[in-house]
N, C-alpha and C. Protein backbone atom coordinates (compact mmCIF):
# COMPACT_ATOMS: atom_id res chain seq x y z
N MET A 1 43.70 128.39 66.14
CA MET A 1 43.19 128.70 64.99
C MET A 1 42.71 127.31 64.65
N SER A 2 41.30 127.27 63.99
CA SER A 2 40.78 126.21 63.66
C SER A 2 41.31 125.44 62.34
N PHE A 3 41.19 124.15 62.02
CA PHE A 3 41.97 123.69 61.13
C PHE A 3 41.27 124.19 59.50
N LEU A 4 40.11 124.39 59.44
CA LEU A 4 39.54 125.02 58.30
C LEU A 4 40.08 126.28 57.88
N LYS A 5 40.27 127.40 59.04
CA LYS A 5 40.82 128.68 58.87
C LYS A 5 42.33 128.56 58.62
N THR A 6 43.14 127.62 59.20
CA THR A 6 44.25 127.57 58.66
C THR A 6 44.72 127.31 57.26
N ILE A 7 43.75 126.26 56.71
CA ILE A 7 43.93 125.92 55.23
C ILE A 7 43.81 127.03 54.39
N GLN A 8 42.40 127.55 54.80
CA GLN A 8 42.12 128.93 54.26
C GLN A 8 42.98 130.10 54.20
N MET A 9 43.78 130.41 55.45
CA MET A 9 45.09 131.35 55.19
C MET A 9 46.22 130.65 54.51
N PHE A 10 46.39 129.55 54.52
CA PHE A 10 47.49 129.22 53.60
C PHE A 10 47.29 129.18 52.13
N VAL A 11 46.09 129.17 51.65
CA VAL A 11 45.52 129.10 50.71
C VAL A 11 45.64 130.38 50.07
N ALA A 12 45.35 131.40 50.85
CA ALA A 12 45.08 132.98 50.64
C ALA A 12 46.66 133.33 50.45
N ASN A 13 47.70 132.98 51.33
CA ASN A 13 48.76 133.48 51.47
C ASN A 13 49.85 132.58 50.27
N ASN A 14 49.03 131.50 49.41
CA ASN A 14 50.14 130.58 48.67
C ASN A 14 48.99 130.21 47.39
N PRO A 15 48.49 131.25 46.45
CA PRO A 15 47.47 131.00 45.86
C PRO A 15 48.17 130.15 44.45
N GLY A 16 47.10 129.34 43.77
CA GLY A 16 47.44 128.70 42.60
C GLY A 16 48.20 127.43 43.32
N LEU A 17 48.09 126.83 44.20
CA LEU A 17 48.69 125.64 44.43
C LEU A 17 47.74 124.31 44.34
N THR A 18 47.99 123.11 43.83
CA THR A 18 47.26 121.87 43.83
C THR A 18 47.14 121.47 45.42
N ASN A 19 45.88 120.68 45.89
CA ASN A 19 45.84 120.24 46.88
C ASN A 19 46.64 119.37 47.49
N LYS A 20 47.29 118.79 46.48
CA LYS A 20 48.66 117.91 47.06
C LYS A 20 49.85 118.89 47.52
N GLN A 21 49.89 119.75 46.50
CA GLN A 21 50.98 120.80 47.33
C GLN A 21 50.95 121.20 48.30
N ILE A 22 49.37 121.63 48.56
CA ILE A 22 48.88 122.42 49.89
C ILE A 22 49.20 121.55 51.23
N ALA A 23 49.05 120.01 50.66
CA ALA A 23 49.37 118.92 52.03
C ALA A 23 50.71 119.18 52.14
N ALA A 24 51.24 118.84 51.01
CA ALA A 24 52.99 118.54 51.10
C ALA A 24 53.40 119.95 51.90
N ALA A 25 52.79 120.92 51.89
CA ALA A 25 53.41 122.14 52.56
C ALA A 25 53.19 122.18 54.41
N LEU A 26 51.97 121.58 54.46
CA LEU A 26 51.60 121.35 55.91
C LEU A 26 51.74 120.00 56.23
N PRO A 27 52.83 119.41 56.40
CA PRO A 27 53.13 118.12 56.94
C PRO A 27 52.57 117.65 58.21
N ASP A 28 51.82 118.59 59.07
CA ASP A 28 51.07 118.14 60.30
C ASP A 28 49.83 117.58 60.12
N TYR A 29 49.49 117.59 58.76
CA TYR A 29 48.12 117.28 58.50
C TYR A 29 47.94 115.91 57.50
N GLU A 30 47.11 115.21 57.34
CA GLU A 30 47.22 114.06 56.39
C GLU A 30 46.27 114.67 54.98
N LEU A 31 46.91 114.15 53.91
CA LEU A 31 46.63 114.40 52.65
C LEU A 31 45.27 114.72 52.54
N HIS A 32 44.53 113.31 53.04
CA HIS A 32 43.03 113.03 52.70
C HIS A 32 42.24 114.60 53.58
N SER A 33 42.67 114.63 54.58
CA SER A 33 41.87 115.80 55.52
C SER A 33 42.57 117.08 54.71
N VAL A 34 43.37 117.36 54.24
CA VAL A 34 43.48 118.89 53.51
C VAL A 34 42.55 118.85 52.24
N GLN A 35 42.50 117.73 51.62
CA GLN A 35 41.90 117.71 50.37
C GLN A 35 40.50 117.96 50.40
N ARG A 36 40.00 117.42 51.69
CA ARG A 36 38.61 117.54 52.33
C ARG A 36 37.93 119.02 52.53
N ALA A 37 39.32 119.71 53.27
CA ALA A 37 39.06 120.97 53.83
C ALA A 37 39.33 121.97 52.80
N VAL A 38 39.86 121.65 51.80
CA VAL A 38 40.21 122.51 50.48
C VAL A 38 38.61 122.46 49.56
N CYS A 39 38.06 121.56 49.45
CA CYS A 39 36.75 121.21 48.75
C CYS A 39 35.84 121.96 49.85
N ARG A 40 35.77 121.59 50.96
CA ARG A 40 34.99 122.60 51.82
C ARG A 40 34.95 124.03 51.59
N LEU A 41 36.34 124.68 51.40
CA LEU A 41 36.20 125.97 51.07
C LEU A 41 35.81 126.34 50.03
N VAL A 42 35.69 125.28 49.02
CA VAL A 42 34.77 125.53 47.84
C VAL A 42 33.69 125.67 47.74
N MET A 43 32.94 124.65 48.59
CA MET A 43 31.76 124.78 48.87
C MET A 43 31.50 125.84 49.80
N LEU A 44 31.93 126.63 50.41
CA LEU A 44 31.80 127.76 51.33
C LEU A 44 31.76 128.75 50.85
N ASN A 45 32.45 128.85 49.30
CA ASN A 45 32.48 129.86 48.88
C ASN A 45 33.30 131.03 49.10
N ARG A 46 34.72 130.18 49.81
CA ARG A 46 35.78 131.43 50.63
C ARG A 46 36.97 130.98 49.78
N ALA A 47 36.84 129.96 48.85
CA ALA A 47 37.98 129.51 47.72
C ALA A 47 37.42 129.06 46.46
N GLU A 48 38.36 129.32 44.95
CA GLU A 48 38.00 129.16 43.99
C GLU A 48 38.54 128.02 43.44
N ARG A 49 38.12 127.15 42.53
CA ARG A 49 38.61 126.06 42.07
C ARG A 49 39.16 126.47 40.34
N LYS A 50 40.21 126.42 40.06
CA LYS A 50 40.50 126.92 38.62
C LYS A 50 41.41 125.87 38.06
N GLY A 51 41.20 125.57 36.63
CA GLY A 51 41.67 124.47 36.09
C GLY A 51 41.29 123.26 35.46
N VAL A 52 41.92 122.38 35.39
CA VAL A 52 40.92 121.20 34.71
C VAL A 52 41.61 120.11 35.49
N ARG A 53 40.48 118.94 35.58
CA ARG A 53 41.18 118.15 36.70
C ARG A 53 41.77 117.10 36.04
N PRO A 54 42.98 116.68 36.79
CA PRO A 54 43.16 116.24 38.10
C PRO A 54 43.84 117.35 38.44
N ASN A 55 44.65 118.50 38.05
CA ASN A 55 45.16 119.39 38.54
C ASN A 55 44.47 120.81 38.72
N PHE A 56 43.65 120.47 39.32
CA PHE A 56 42.81 122.10 40.11
C PHE A 56 43.86 122.87 40.58
N ARG A 57 43.63 124.11 40.75
CA ARG A 57 44.64 125.02 41.60
C ARG A 57 43.64 125.92 42.27
N TYR A 58 43.85 126.19 43.69
CA TYR A 58 43.03 127.11 44.74
C TYR A 58 43.39 128.43 44.67
N TYR A 59 42.30 129.14 44.65
CA TYR A 59 42.59 130.75 45.09
C TYR A 59 41.83 131.02 46.11
N ALA A 60 41.82 131.86 46.94
CA ALA A 60 41.41 132.60 48.04
C ALA A 60 40.17 133.09 47.41
N LYS A 61 39.19 133.46 48.03
CA LYS A 61 37.95 134.36 47.14
C LYS A 61 37.62 135.42 48.62
N ALA A 62 37.48 136.80 47.86
CA ALA A 62 37.54 137.93 49.11
C ALA A 62 35.98 137.65 49.72
N PRO A 63 36.00 138.04 50.81
CA PRO A 63 34.83 137.93 51.78
C PRO A 63 33.48 138.84 51.29
N THR A 64 32.44 138.25 51.18
CA THR A 64 31.26 138.81 50.50
C THR A 64 30.23 139.04 51.50
N GLY A 65 29.21 140.14 51.42
CA GLY A 65 28.10 139.95 51.96
C GLY A 65 28.40 141.22 53.15
N PRO A 66 27.24 141.72 53.72
CA PRO A 66 27.36 142.59 54.82
C PRO A 66 28.19 142.18 55.71
N ILE A 67 28.87 143.37 56.50
CA ILE A 67 29.55 142.93 57.64
C ILE A 67 28.74 144.20 58.77
N GLY A 68 28.30 143.44 59.58
CA GLY A 68 27.70 144.18 60.70
C GLY A 68 28.44 144.83 61.42
N PRO A 69 27.90 146.12 62.33
CA PRO A 69 28.33 146.66 63.33
C PRO A 69 29.30 145.93 64.30
N ILE A 70 30.53 146.36 64.76
CA ILE A 70 31.10 145.90 66.05
C ILE A 70 29.86 145.97 67.20
N ILE A 71 29.64 144.91 67.73
CA ILE A 71 28.59 145.55 68.98
C ILE A 71 29.73 144.83 70.49
N PRO A 72 29.90 146.12 71.03
CA PRO A 72 31.16 145.61 72.23
C PRO A 72 29.97 145.03 73.54
N ARG A 73 31.04 143.89 74.01
CA ARG A 73 30.28 143.15 75.21
C ARG A 73 29.95 143.90 76.27
N ALA A 74 29.04 143.74 76.97
CA ALA A 74 28.75 144.60 78.20
C ALA A 74 29.34 143.81 79.34
N PRO A 75 30.35 144.37 80.39
CA PRO A 75 30.73 143.62 81.39
C PRO A 75 29.82 143.14 82.07
N ILE A 76 30.40 141.90 82.67
CA ILE A 76 28.85 141.11 83.53
C ILE A 76 30.01 140.90 84.82
N GLU A 77 29.09 141.33 86.08
CA GLU A 77 29.43 141.06 87.15
C GLU A 77 29.35 139.74 87.60
N LYS A 78 30.20 139.02 88.18
CA LYS A 78 29.91 137.80 88.88
C LYS A 78 29.71 137.65 89.90
N ALA A 79 28.43 137.26 90.37
CA ALA A 79 27.92 136.77 91.54
C ALA A 79 28.83 136.16 92.63
N GLU A 80 28.92 136.69 93.64
CA GLU A 80 29.66 136.27 94.77
C GLU A 80 28.73 135.00 95.47
N ILE A 81 29.48 133.78 95.52
CA ILE A 81 28.82 132.72 95.95
C ILE A 81 29.17 132.22 97.29
N ILE A 82 27.50 132.05 97.88
CA ILE A 82 28.04 131.85 99.56
C ILE A 82 27.46 130.62 99.71
N PRO A 83 28.51 129.76 100.30
CA PRO A 83 28.43 128.21 100.33
C PRO A 83 27.12 128.37 101.67
N GLU A 84 26.43 127.32 101.22
CA GLU A 84 25.32 126.85 101.99
C GLU A 84 25.48 126.19 103.20
N PRO A 85 25.02 125.98 104.01
CA PRO A 85 25.23 125.59 105.73
C PRO A 85 24.83 123.90 105.11
N ILE A 86 25.84 123.06 105.67
CA ILE A 86 25.27 121.64 105.65
C ILE A 86 24.52 121.42 106.63
N PRO A 87 23.01 120.75 106.63
CA PRO A 87 22.48 120.51 107.86
C PRO A 87 23.46 118.90 108.21
N LYS A 88 23.23 119.04 109.75
CA LYS A 88 23.90 117.90 110.60
C LYS A 88 22.56 116.75 110.68
N THR A 89 23.19 115.53 110.44
CA THR A 89 22.32 114.60 110.53
C THR A 89 23.02 113.50 111.91
N CYS A 90 21.74 112.93 112.68
CA CYS A 90 22.60 112.54 113.59
C CYS A 90 22.56 110.72 113.50
């Protein structure tokens, strides 16, 4: 799972936390990286920021927009690789 998706899932499961609380709960990541990721989620409209500075709280947003039909992948047959003979040199 990507870093941004990890942060998004955490915000969805723990609504109403500040970015410092989110970073403290995810010790594997640096504070600045988590803050940037949360800000990016807000910019991408995947989370919303409520409250007043400096204590913004973050909440996940439900996905919006049309979801297209699931298109199954067609099976791909792999071609058999036949090694070419190496020409002899004198």
